[in-house]
Amino acid sequence: MVKTFCCYFLGAPVRVRYEHSGDEEAIWIANVVLDGRPRSIDGAAALRSRCAQADVTRSVLRGLEWVRKADASS
């Protein structure tokens, strides 16, 4: 079953969809507008806590930080 939630990155709302089967990994897609540009990134999160959404949120925020740094260096 696909689950959705919203979190924030640098004040911008991030819409996240994720799915997991079992207890080891969740696959996610995050959509956000950064610097006026829509961005969509995806990734996987290792499920290490009892709260899959918390693990996915940490993974999404790390991914967005990586994208922001990559954009700044180009």
C-alpha atoms as a PDB file:
ATOM      1  CA  MET A   1       0.000   0.000   0.000  1.00  0.00           C
ATOM      2  CA  VAL A   2       1.323   3.447  -0.957  1.00  0.00           C
ATOM      3  CA  LYS A   3       1.401   5.986   1.864  1.00  0.00           C
ATOM      4  CA  THR A   4       1.746   9.756   1.566  1.00  0.00           C
ATOM      5  CA  PHE A   5       2.802  12.564   3.864  1.00  0.00           C
ATOM      6  CA  CYS A   6       4.179  16.086   3.770  1.00  0.00           C
ATOM      7  CA  CYS A   7       7.379  17.371   5.365  1.00  0.00           C
ATOM      8  CA  TYR A   8       9.388  20.573   4.892  1.00  0.00           C
ATOM      9  CA  PHE A   9      12.802  21.316   3.405  1.00  0.00           C
ATOM     10  CA  LEU A  10      14.180  24.861   3.697  1.00  0.00           C
ATOM     11  CA  GLY A  11      10.628  26.033   4.385  1.00  0.00           C
ATOM     12  CA  ALA A  12       9.210  24.428   1.235  1.00  0.00           C
ATOM     13  CA  PRO A  13       6.534  21.742   1.527  1.00  0.00           C
ATOM     14  CA  VAL A  14       7.638  18.348   0.246  1.00  0.00           C
ATOM     15  CA  ARG A  15       5.029  15.793  -0.839  1.00  0.00           C
ATOM     16  CA  VAL A  16       6.286  12.257  -0.270  1.00  0.00           C
ATOM     17  CA  ARG A  17       4.854   8.932  -1.429  1.00  0.00           C
ATOM     18  CA  TYR A  18       6.381   5.708  -0.209  1.00  0.00           C
ATOM     19  CA  GLU A  19       5.768   2.011  -0.131  1.00  0.00           C
ATOM     20  CA  HIS A  20       7.372  -0.752   1.851  1.00  0.00           C
ATOM     21  CA  SER A  21       6.939  -4.445   2.094  1.00  0.00           C
ATOM     22  CA  GLY A  22       8.522  -6.213   4.987  1.00  0.00           C
ATOM     23  CA  ASP A  23      10.671  -4.496   7.569  1.00  0.00           C
ATOM     24  CA  GLU A  24      13.899  -3.688   5.740  1.00  0.00           C
ATOM     25  CA  GLU A  25      13.413  -1.005   3.079  1.00  0.00           C
ATOM     26  CA  ALA A  26      10.971   1.591   1.770  1.00  0.00           C
ATOM     27  CA  ILE A  27      10.966   3.099  -1.726  1.00  0.00           C
ATOM     28  CA  TRP A  28       9.966   6.772  -1.933  1.00  0.00           C
ATOM     29  CA  ILE A  29       9.304   9.645  -4.357  1.00  0.00           C
ATOM     30  CA  ALA A  30       9.442  13.265  -3.185  1.00  0.00           C
ATOM     31  CA  ASN A  31       8.141  16.356  -5.013  1.00  0.00           C
ATOM     32  CA  VAL A  32       9.104  19.903  -4.040  1.00  0.00           C
ATOM     33  CA  VAL A  33       9.619  23.349  -5.557  1.00  0.00           C
ATOM     34  CA  LEU A  34      13.148  24.633  -4.829  1.00  0.00           C
ATOM     35  CA  ASP A  35      14.297  28.050  -6.036  1.00  0.00           C
ATOM     36  CA  GLY A  36      11.216  28.274  -8.221  1.00  0.00           C
ATOM     37  CA  ARG A  37      11.957  24.957  -9.953  1.00  0.00           C
ATOM     38  CA  PRO A  38       9.835  21.849  -9.444  1.00  0.00           C
ATOM     39  CA  ARG A  39      11.954  18.879  -8.416  1.00  0.00           C
ATOM     40  CA  SER A  40      11.134  15.215  -8.144  1.00  0.00           C
ATOM     41  CA  ILE A  41      13.600  12.792  -6.585  1.00  0.00           C
ATOM     42  CA  ASP A  42      13.331   9.184  -5.567  1.00  0.00           C
ATOM     43  CA  GLY A  43      15.240   6.874  -3.321  1.00  0.00           C
ATOM     44  CA  ALA A  44      15.195   4.064  -0.835  1.00  0.00           C
ATOM     45  CA  ALA A  45      15.316   4.179   2.938  1.00  0.00           C
ATOM     46  CA  ALA A  46      16.578   1.499   5.259  1.00  0.00           C
ATOM     47  CA  LEU A  47      13.941   0.960   7.926  1.00  0.00           C
ATOM     48  CA  ARG A  48      15.836   1.138  11.197  1.00  0.00           C
ATOM     49  CA  SER A  49      13.230   2.409  13.626  1.00  0.00           C
ATOM     50  CA  ARG A  50       9.691   1.392  14.439  1.00  0.00           C
ATOM     51  CA  CYS A  51       8.384   4.359  12.434  1.00  0.00           C
ATOM     52  CA  ALA A  52       8.795   3.917   8.671  1.00  0.00           C
ATOM     53  CA  GLN A  53       7.687   7.512   8.015  1.00  0.00           C
ATOM     54  CA  ALA A  54      10.474   8.883  10.225  1.00  0.00           C
ATOM     55  CA  ASP A  55      13.075   6.767   8.405  1.00  0.00           C
ATOM     56  CA  VAL A  56      11.704   7.859   5.014  1.00  0.00           C
ATOM     57  CA  THR A  57      11.692  11.530   6.103  1.00  0.00           C
ATOM     58  CA  ARG A  58      15.367  11.368   7.077  1.00  0.00           C
ATOM     59  CA  SER A  59      16.217   9.745   3.733  1.00  0.00           C
ATOM     60  CA  VAL A  60      14.219  12.331   1.758  1.00  0.00           C
ATOM     61  CA  LEU A  61      15.874  15.248   3.563  1.00  0.00           C
ATOM     62  CA  ARG A  62      19.349  13.795   2.924  1.00  0.00           C
ATOM     63  CA  GLY A  63      18.440  13.374  -0.755  1.00  0.00           C
ATOM     64  CA  LEU A  64      17.175  16.929  -1.063  1.00  0.00           C
ATOM     65  CA  GLU A  65      20.291  18.295   0.630  1.00  0.00           C
ATOM     66  CA  TRP A  66      22.434  16.363  -1.860  1.00  0.00           C
ATOM     67  CA  VAL A  67      20.416  17.780  -4.788  1.00  0.00           C
ATOM     68  CA  ARG A  68      20.716  21.317  -3.388  1.00  0.00           C
ATOM     69  CA  LYS A  69      24.496  20.994  -3.048  1.00  0.00           C
ATOM     70  CA  ALA A  70      24.803  19.494  -6.544  1.00  0.00           C
ATOM     71  CA  ASP A  71      22.775  22.375  -8.003  1.00  0.00           C
ATOM     72  CA  ALA A  72      24.927  24.925  -6.185  1.00  0.00           C
ATOM     73  CA  SER A  73      28.164  23.453  -7.521  1.00  0.00           C
ATOM     74  CA  SER A  74      27.043  23.370 -11.159  1.00  0.00           C
END
